[in-house]
Each structure stands twice: as structure tokens, then as C-alpha cells.
Amino acid sequence: MLSQARTRVVGHLSYYAITDNRERCSYYVYRATRILFKWLNRKSQRKAYTWESFSQALAWVGWPKPGVRKDLNPCRRAEAY
């Protein structure tokens, strides 16, 4: 289940992670992480994961970090300095 969710998040970031969209992509990753944690803990009466063990599971799967995948204006960085 974690690997399928990772695939979905990576696909979303591959399409939407462009220049000036970093904030919304990081919010998407944040919300996807929280929703996944919530749904994995609904399986039984007791919690399946603590936040620490969930973070370790995400690290093991290779949960993506938000960042710009495609820079649409590469000259902008040079102009800023």
C-alpha cells in the first residue's frame, strides 16, 4: 500500500513540480502523508502505527521530497544574484 501511494505522489510531482509551484506540491505531499497515516491507523481498534514508526516506513519506501523537477525559467536564478 505504501509503495502504491508513493507511486501516485511521485507521478503527481513529476507532472506538477515546476517553477513557482513548490509550495502547492509540498502541501500535496504533506496532505497525502497525513491522509495515509490516518487510513493506515483505521484498520483496527488500536493504532497500527505511531508517527515515529510511520516515518521509518516512509523512509524505507523512499517517500518523495517535494522540489522543482522542471525549471521553466533557468535564467531567473542568475538574474536574482
PDB file of N, CA and C in Angstrom:
ATOM      1  N   MET A   1       0.817  -1.188   0.000  1.00  0.00           N
ATOM      2  CA  MET A   1       0.000   0.000   0.000  1.00  0.00           C
ATOM      3  C   MET A   1       0.870   1.265   0.000  1.00  0.00           C
ATOM      4  N   LEU A   2       1.948   1.240   0.767  1.00  0.00           N
ATOM      5  CA  LEU A   2       2.839   2.400   0.798  1.00  0.00           C
ATOM      6  C   LEU A   2       3.520   2.621  -0.547  1.00  0.00           C
ATOM      7  N   SER A   3       3.898   1.541  -1.200  1.00  0.00           N
ATOM      8  CA  SER A   3       4.568   1.706  -2.492  1.00  0.00           C
ATOM      9  C   SER A   3       3.601   2.233  -3.555  1.00  0.00           C
ATOM     10  N   GLN A   4       2.330   1.833  -3.483  1.00  0.00           N
ATOM     11  CA  GLN A   4       1.339   2.362  -4.425  1.00  0.00           C
ATOM     12  C   GLN A   4       1.094   3.848  -4.181  1.00  0.00           C
ATOM     13  N   ALA A   5       1.020   4.233  -2.911  1.00  0.00           N
ATOM     14  CA  ALA A   5       0.835   5.653  -2.586  1.00  0.00           C
ATOM     15  C   ALA A   5       2.054   6.452  -3.028  1.00  0.00           C
ATOM     16  N   ARG A   6       3.239   5.869  -2.852  1.00  0.00           N
ATOM     17  CA  ARG A   6       4.460   6.545  -3.292  1.00  0.00           C
ATOM     18  C   ARG A   6       4.441   6.765  -4.802  1.00  0.00           C
ATOM     19  N   THR A   7       3.995   5.761  -5.545  1.00  0.00           N
ATOM     20  CA  THR A   7       3.907   5.878  -6.998  1.00  0.00           C
ATOM     21  C   THR A   7       2.984   7.014  -7.406  1.00  0.00           C
ATOM     22  N   ARG A   8       1.855   7.137  -6.711  1.00  0.00           N
ATOM     23  CA  ARG A   8       0.907   8.219  -7.012  1.00  0.00           C
ATOM     24  C   ARG A   8       1.510   9.591  -6.727  1.00  0.00           C
ATOM     25  N   VAL A   9       2.199   9.711  -5.600  1.00  0.00           N
ATOM     26  CA  VAL A   9       2.789  11.005  -5.233  1.00  0.00           C
ATOM     27  C   VAL A   9       3.923  11.360  -6.189  1.00  0.00           C
ATOM     28  N   VAL A  10       4.745  10.395  -6.554  1.00  0.00           N
ATOM     29  CA  VAL A  10       5.836  10.651  -7.500  1.00  0.00           C
ATOM     30  C   VAL A  10       5.271  11.080  -8.850  1.00  0.00           C
ATOM     31  N   GLY A  11       4.201  10.435  -9.292  1.00  0.00           N
ATOM     32  CA  GLY A  11       3.572  10.819 -10.553  1.00  0.00           C
ATOM     33  C   GLY A  11       3.014  12.226 -10.513  1.00  0.00           C
ATOM     34  N   HIS A  12       2.396  12.585  -9.400  1.00  0.00           N
ATOM     35  CA  HIS A  12       1.863  13.940  -9.245  1.00  0.00           C
ATOM     36  C   HIS A  12       2.995  14.962  -9.285  1.00  0.00           C
ATOM     37  N   LEU A  13       4.075  14.673  -8.571  1.00  0.00           N
ATOM     38  CA  LEU A  13       5.205  15.603  -8.546  1.00  0.00           C
ATOM     39  C   LEU A  13       5.900  15.685  -9.903  1.00  0.00           C
ATOM     40  N   SER A  14       5.951  14.583 -10.618  1.00  0.00           N
ATOM     41  CA  SER A  14       6.580  14.613 -11.936  1.00  0.00           C
ATOM     42  C   SER A  14       5.834  15.533 -12.891  1.00  0.00           C
ATOM     43  N   TYR A  15       4.527  15.628 -12.727  1.00  0.00           N
ATOM     44  CA  TYR A  15       3.728  16.462 -13.620  1.00  0.00           C
ATOM     45  C   TYR A  15       3.629  17.906 -13.130  1.00  0.00           C
ATOM     46  N   TYR A  16       3.417  18.094 -11.832  1.00  0.00           N
ATOM     47  CA  TYR A  16       3.110  19.423 -11.315  1.00  0.00           C
ATOM     48  C   TYR A  16       4.283  20.162 -10.679  1.00  0.00           C
ATOM     49  N   ALA A  17       5.398  19.501 -10.429  1.00  0.00           N
ATOM     50  CA  ALA A  17       6.515  20.151  -9.740  1.00  0.00           C
ATOM     51  C   ALA A  17       7.350  20.954 -10.731  1.00  0.00           C
ATOM     52  N   ILE A  18       6.843  22.129 -11.078  1.00  0.00           N
ATOM     53  CA  ILE A  18       7.531  23.027 -11.995  1.00  0.00           C
ATOM     54  C   ILE A  18       7.852  24.319 -11.255  1.00  0.00           C
ATOM     55  N   THR A  19       8.471  25.235 -11.932  1.00  0.00           N
ATOM     56  CA  THR A  19       8.837  26.516 -11.349  1.00  0.00           C
ATOM     57  C   THR A  19       7.614  27.188 -10.736  1.00  0.00           C
ATOM     58  N   ASP A  20       7.776  27.798  -9.589  1.00  0.00           N
ATOM     59  CA  ASP A  20       6.749  28.557  -8.863  1.00  0.00           C
ATOM     60  C   ASP A  20       5.599  27.699  -8.345  1.00  0.00           C
ATOM     61  N   ASN A  21       5.720  26.396  -8.340  1.00  0.00           N
ATOM     62  CA  ASN A  21       4.654  25.542  -7.822  1.00  0.00           C
ATOM     63  C   ASN A  21       5.137  24.699  -6.646  1.00  0.00           C
ATOM     64  N   ARG A  22       6.263  25.020  -6.086  1.00  0.00           N
ATOM     65  CA  ARG A  22       6.845  24.235  -5.000  1.00  0.00           C
ATOM     66  C   ARG A  22       5.961  24.220  -3.756  1.00  0.00           C
ATOM     67  N   GLU A  23       5.361  25.348  -3.431  1.00  0.00           N
ATOM     68  CA  GLU A  23       4.537  25.439  -2.222  1.00  0.00           C
ATOM     69  C   GLU A  23       3.337  24.494  -2.292  1.00  0.00           C
ATOM     70  N   ARG A  24       2.650  24.476  -3.420  1.00  0.00           N
ATOM     71  CA  ARG A  24       1.481  23.609  -3.559  1.00  0.00           C
ATOM     72  C   ARG A  24       1.884  22.137  -3.619  1.00  0.00           C
ATOM     73  N   CYS A  25       3.028  21.848  -4.216  1.00  0.00           N
ATOM     74  CA  CYS A  25       3.486  20.457  -4.262  1.00  0.00           C
ATOM     75  C   CYS A  25       3.884  19.968  -2.872  1.00  0.00           C
ATOM     76  N   SER A  26       4.512  20.825  -2.088  1.00  0.00           N
ATOM     77  CA  SER A  26       4.860  20.417  -0.729  1.00  0.00           C
ATOM     78  C   SER A  26       3.598  20.231   0.111  1.00  0.00           C
ATOM     79  N   TYR A  27       2.579  21.049  -0.127  1.00  0.00           N
ATOM     80  CA  TYR A  27       1.309  20.868   0.576  1.00  0.00           C
ATOM     81  C   TYR A  27       0.648  19.555   0.161  1.00  0.00           C
ATOM     82  N   TYR A  28       0.746  19.194  -1.113  1.00  0.00           N
ATOM     83  CA  TYR A  28       0.187  17.931  -1.590  1.00  0.00           C
ATOM     84  C   TYR A  28       0.866  16.747  -0.900  1.00  0.00           C
ATOM     85  N   VAL A  29       2.188  16.782  -0.817  1.00  0.00           N
ATOM     86  CA  VAL A  29       2.920  15.700  -0.160  1.00  0.00           C
ATOM     87  C   VAL A  29       2.550  15.642   1.322  1.00  0.00           C
ATOM     88  N   TYR A  30       2.432  16.801   1.963  1.00  0.00           N
ATOM     89  CA  TYR A  30       2.054  16.868   3.373  1.00  0.00           C
ATOM     90  C   TYR A  30       0.676  16.241   3.596  1.00  0.00           C
ATOM     91  N   ARG A  31      -0.313  16.629   2.780  1.00  0.00           N
ATOM     92  CA  ARG A  31      -1.671  16.107   2.945  1.00  0.00           C
ATOM     93  C   ARG A  31      -1.735  14.615   2.618  1.00  0.00           C
ATOM     94  N   ALA A  32      -1.019  14.182   1.592  1.00  0.00           N
ATOM     95  CA  ALA A  32      -1.010  12.760   1.242  1.00  0.00           C
ATOM     96  C   ALA A  32      -0.412  11.934   2.379  1.00  0.00           C
ATOM     97  N   THR A  33       0.623  12.454   3.019  1.00  0.00           N
ATOM     98  CA  THR A  33       1.244  11.765   4.145  1.00  0.00           C
ATOM     99  C   THR A  33       0.276  11.657   5.312  1.00  0.00           C
ATOM    100  N   ARG A  34      -0.389  12.749   5.635  1.00  0.00           N
ATOM    101  CA  ARG A  34      -1.337  12.750   6.758  1.00  0.00           C
ATOM    102  C   ARG A  34      -2.530  11.834   6.493  1.00  0.00           C
ATOM    103  N   ILE A  35      -3.059  11.860   5.289  1.00  0.00           N
ATOM    104  CA  ILE A  35      -4.208  11.008   4.960  1.00  0.00           C
ATOM    105  C   ILE A  35      -3.813   9.532   4.991  1.00  0.00           C
ATOM    106  N   LEU A  36      -2.624   9.220   4.492  1.00  0.00           N
ATOM    107  CA  LEU A  36      -2.153   7.838   4.521  1.00  0.00           C
ATOM    108  C   LEU A  36      -1.983   7.357   5.958  1.00  0.00           C
ATOM    109  N   PHE A  37      -1.434   8.189   6.819  1.00  0.00           N
ATOM    110  CA  PHE A  37      -1.281   7.848   8.236  1.00  0.00           C
ATOM    111  C   PHE A  37      -2.643   7.602   8.879  1.00  0.00           C
ATOM    112  N   LYS A  38      -3.588   8.457   8.577  1.00  0.00           N
ATOM    113  CA  LYS A  38      -4.939   8.332   9.132  1.00  0.00           C
ATOM    114  C   LYS A  38      -5.594   7.020   8.701  1.00  0.00           C
ATOM    115  N   TRP A  39      -5.512   6.689   7.421  1.00  0.00           N
ATOM    116  CA  TRP A  39      -6.178   5.497   6.921  1.00  0.00           C
ATOM    117  C   TRP A  39      -5.477   4.212   7.338  1.00  0.00           C
ATOM    118  N   LEU A  40      -4.177   4.243   7.490  1.00  0.00           N
ATOM    119  CA  LEU A  40      -3.490   3.037   7.961  1.00  0.00           C
ATOM    120  C   LEU A  40      -3.805   2.760   9.425  1.00  0.00           C
ATOM    121  N   ASN A  41      -4.131   3.779  10.184  1.00  0.00           N
ATOM    122  CA  ASN A  41      -4.481   3.583  11.587  1.00  0.00           C
ATOM    123  C   ASN A  41      -5.950   3.250  11.794  1.00  0.00           C
ATOM    124  N   ARG A  42      -6.752   3.171  10.766  1.00  0.00           N
ATOM    125  CA  ARG A  42      -8.164   2.819  10.892  1.00  0.00           C
ATOM    126  C   ARG A  42      -8.404   1.319  10.800  1.00  0.00           C
ATOM    127  N   LYS A  43      -7.362   0.543  10.652  1.00  0.00           N
ATOM    128  CA  LYS A  43      -7.544  -0.884  10.408  1.00  0.00           C
ATOM    129  C   LYS A  43      -8.078  -1.652  11.614  1.00  0.00           C
ATOM    130  N   SER A  44      -7.807  -1.199  12.814  1.00  0.00           N
ATOM    131  CA  SER A  44      -8.251  -1.944  13.990  1.00  0.00           C
ATOM    132  C   SER A  44      -8.547  -0.967  15.126  1.00  0.00           C
ATOM    133  N   GLN A  45      -8.885  -1.517  16.275  1.00  0.00           N
ATOM    134  CA  GLN A  45      -9.202  -0.675  17.433  1.00  0.00           C
ATOM    135  C   GLN A  45      -7.965   0.036  17.975  1.00  0.00           C
ATOM    136  N   ARG A  46      -6.823  -0.606  17.862  1.00  0.00           N
ATOM    137  CA  ARG A  46      -5.599   0.040  18.347  1.00  0.00           C
ATOM    138  C   ARG A  46      -4.837   0.618  17.158  1.00  0.00           C
ATOM    139  N   LYS A  47      -3.970   1.545  17.451  1.00  0.00           N
ATOM    140  CA  LYS A  47      -3.203   2.186  16.384  1.00  0.00           C
ATOM    141  C   LYS A  47      -2.207   1.205  15.781  1.00  0.00           C
ATOM    142  N   ALA A  48      -2.173   1.164  14.476  1.00  0.00           N
ATOM    143  CA  ALA A  48      -1.230   0.295  13.783  1.00  0.00           C
ATOM    144  C   ALA A  48       0.160   0.926  13.758  1.00  0.00           C
ATOM    145  N   TYR A  49       0.196   2.250  13.647  1.00  0.00           N
ATOM    146  CA  TYR A  49       1.459   2.974  13.553  1.00  0.00           C
ATOM    147  C   TYR A  49       1.487   4.118  14.549  1.00  0.00           C
ATOM    148  N   THR A  50       2.648   4.354  15.114  1.00  0.00           N
ATOM    149  CA  THR A  50       2.908   5.635  15.763  1.00  0.00           C
ATOM    150  C   THR A  50       3.530   6.515  14.693  1.00  0.00           C
ATOM    151  N   TRP A  51       3.645   7.794  14.973  1.00  0.00           N
ATOM    152  CA  TRP A  51       4.208   8.684  13.960  1.00  0.00           C
ATOM    153  C   TRP A  51       5.670   8.334  13.675  1.00  0.00           C
ATOM    154  N   GLU A  52       6.410   7.904  14.700  1.00  0.00           N
ATOM    155  CA  GLU A  52       7.822   7.544  14.510  1.00  0.00           C
ATOM    156  C   GLU A  52       7.960   6.306  13.622  1.00  0.00           C
ATOM    157  N   SER A  53       7.155   5.284  13.892  1.00  0.00           N
ATOM    158  CA  SER A  53       7.255   4.074  13.067  1.00  0.00           C
ATOM    159  C   SER A  53       6.738   4.331  11.649  1.00  0.00           C
ATOM    160  N   PHE A  54       5.755   5.208  11.521  1.00  0.00           N
ATOM    161  CA  PHE A  54       5.257   5.573  10.195  1.00  0.00           C
ATOM    162  C   PHE A  54       6.336   6.317   9.409  1.00  0.00           C
ATOM    163  N   SER A  55       7.061   7.202  10.070  1.00  0.00           N
ATOM    164  CA  SER A  55       8.155   7.922   9.406  1.00  0.00           C
ATOM    165  C   SER A  55       9.249   6.965   8.954  1.00  0.00           C
ATOM    166  N   GLN A  56       9.536   5.956   9.763  1.00  0.00           N
ATOM    167  CA  GLN A  56      10.525   4.955   9.369  1.00  0.00           C
ATOM    168  C   GLN A  56      10.042   4.155   8.161  1.00  0.00           C
ATOM    169  N   ALA A  57       8.757   3.830   8.137  1.00  0.00           N
ATOM    170  CA  ALA A  57       8.199   3.096   6.994  1.00  0.00           C
ATOM    171  C   ALA A  57       8.266   3.938   5.727  1.00  0.00           C
ATOM    172  N   LEU A  58       7.990   5.235   5.851  1.00  0.00           N
ATOM    173  CA  LEU A  58       8.087   6.119   4.684  1.00  0.00           C
ATOM    174  C   LEU A  58       9.527   6.220   4.192  1.00  0.00           C
ATOM    175  N   ALA A  59      10.470   6.282   5.117  1.00  0.00           N
ATOM    176  CA  ALA A  59      11.883   6.330   4.728  1.00  0.00           C
ATOM    177  C   ALA A  59      12.288   5.029   4.031  1.00  0.00           C
ATOM    178  N   TRP A  60      11.774   3.904   4.508  1.00  0.00           N
ATOM    179  CA  TRP A  60      12.102   2.618   3.908  1.00  0.00           C
ATOM    180  C   TRP A  60      11.561   2.524   2.483  1.00  0.00           C
ATOM    181  N   VAL A  61      10.371   3.068   2.251  1.00  0.00           N
ATOM    182  CA  VAL A  61       9.759   3.041   0.920  1.00  0.00           C
ATOM    183  C   VAL A  61      10.427   4.052  -0.003  1.00  0.00           C
ATOM    184  N   GLY A  62      10.999   5.105   0.566  1.00  0.00           N
ATOM    185  CA  GLY A  62      11.605   6.160  -0.248  1.00  0.00           C
ATOM    186  C   GLY A  62      10.592   7.231  -0.596  1.00  0.00           C
ATOM    187  N   TRP A  63       9.866   7.685   0.416  1.00  0.00           N
ATOM    188  CA  TRP A  63       8.825   8.701   0.214  1.00  0.00           C
ATOM    189  C   TRP A  63       9.443   9.948  -0.392  1.00  0.00           C
ATOM    190  N   PRO A  64       8.855  10.492  -1.456  1.00  0.00           N
ATOM    191  CA  PRO A  64       9.481  11.613  -2.174  1.00  0.00           C
ATOM    192  C   PRO A  64       9.437  12.924  -1.397  1.00  0.00           C
ATOM    193  N   LYS A  65      10.442  13.721  -1.613  1.00  0.00           N
ATOM    194  CA  LYS A  65      10.505  15.071  -1.064  1.00  0.00           C
ATOM    195  C   LYS A  65      10.075  16.035  -2.167  1.00  0.00           C
ATOM    196  N   PRO A  66       9.286  17.035  -1.827  1.00  0.00           N
ATOM    197  CA  PRO A  66       8.865  17.988  -2.859  1.00  0.00           C
ATOM    198  C   PRO A  66      10.025  18.867  -3.294  1.00  0.00           C
ATOM    199  N   GLY A  67      10.065  19.146  -4.547  1.00  0.00           N
ATOM    200  CA  GLY A  67      11.091  20.005  -5.118  1.00  0.00           C
ATOM    201  C   GLY A  67      10.769  20.263  -6.573  1.00  0.00           C
ATOM    202  N   VAL A  68      11.424  21.226  -7.157  1.00  0.00           N
ATOM    203  CA  VAL A  68      11.178  21.565  -8.552  1.00  0.00           C
ATOM    204  C   VAL A  68      11.822  20.501  -9.436  1.00  0.00           C
ATOM    205  N   ARG A  69      11.013  19.819 -10.219  1.00  0.00           N
ATOM    206  CA  ARG A  69      11.516  18.789 -11.126  1.00  0.00           C
ATOM    207  C   ARG A  69      11.891  19.382 -12.484  1.00  0.00           C
ATOM    208  N   LYS A  70      11.163  20.418 -12.891  1.00  0.00           N
ATOM    209  CA  LYS A  70      11.415  21.051 -14.183  1.00  0.00           C
ATOM    210  C   LYS A  70      11.419  22.553 -13.981  1.00  0.00           C
ATOM    211  N   ASP A  71      12.564  23.168 -14.232  1.00  0.00           N
ATOM    212  CA  ASP A  71      12.702  24.612 -14.102  1.00  0.00           C
ATOM    213  C   ASP A  71      12.350  25.244 -15.443  1.00  0.00           C
ATOM    214  N   LEU A  72      11.252  25.990 -15.473  1.00  0.00           N
ATOM    215  CA  LEU A  72      10.796  26.585 -16.726  1.00  0.00           C
ATOM    216  C   LEU A  72      11.541  27.864 -17.083  1.00  0.00           C
ATOM    217  N   ASN A  73      12.228  28.432 -16.132  1.00  0.00           N
ATOM    218  CA  ASN A  73      12.971  29.657 -16.386  1.00  0.00           C
ATOM    219  C   ASN A  73      14.349  29.547 -15.733  1.00  0.00           C
ATOM    220  N   PRO A  74      15.297  28.851 -16.358  1.00  0.00           N
ATOM    221  CA  PRO A  74      16.603  28.645 -15.729  1.00  0.00           C
ATOM    222  C   PRO A  74      17.422  29.921 -15.583  1.00  0.00           C
ATOM    223  N   CYS A  75      17.101  30.962 -16.332  1.00  0.00           N
ATOM    224  CA  CYS A  75      17.862  32.208 -16.238  1.00  0.00           C
ATOM    225  C   CYS A  75      17.480  33.024 -15.009  1.00  0.00           C
ATOM    226  N   ARG A  76      16.357  32.730 -14.405  1.00  0.00           N
ATOM    227  CA  ARG A  76      15.892  33.521 -13.273  1.00  0.00           C
ATOM    228  C   ARG A  76      16.860  33.466 -12.099  1.00  0.00           C
ATOM    229  N   ARG A  77      17.454  32.313 -11.846  1.00  0.00           N
ATOM    230  CA  ARG A  77      18.395  32.207 -10.736  1.00  0.00           C
ATOM    231  C   ARG A  77      19.607  33.097 -10.954  1.00  0.00           C
ATOM    232  N   ALA A  78      20.083  33.188 -12.176  1.00  0.00           N
ATOM    233  CA  ALA A  78      21.237  34.036 -12.474  1.00  0.00           C
ATOM    234  C   ALA A  78      20.876  35.510 -12.337  1.00  0.00           C
ATOM    235  N   GLU A  79      19.633  35.880 -12.668  1.00  0.00           N
ATOM    236  CA  GLU A  79      19.203  37.268 -12.564  1.00  0.00           C
ATOM    237  C   GLU A  79      19.005  37.697 -11.122  1.00  0.00           C
ATOM    238  N   ALA A  80      18.735  36.757 -10.240  1.00  0.00           N
ATOM    239  CA  ALA A  80      18.455  37.096  -8.846  1.00  0.00           C
ATOM    240  C   ALA A  80      19.712  37.525  -8.105  1.00  0.00           C
ATOM    241  N   TYR A  81      20.880  37.152  -8.591  1.00  0.00           N
ATOM    242  CA  TYR A  81      22.122  37.486  -7.878  1.00  0.00           C
ATOM    243  C   TYR A  81      22.780  38.714  -8.430  1.00  0.00           C
TER     244      TYR A  81
END
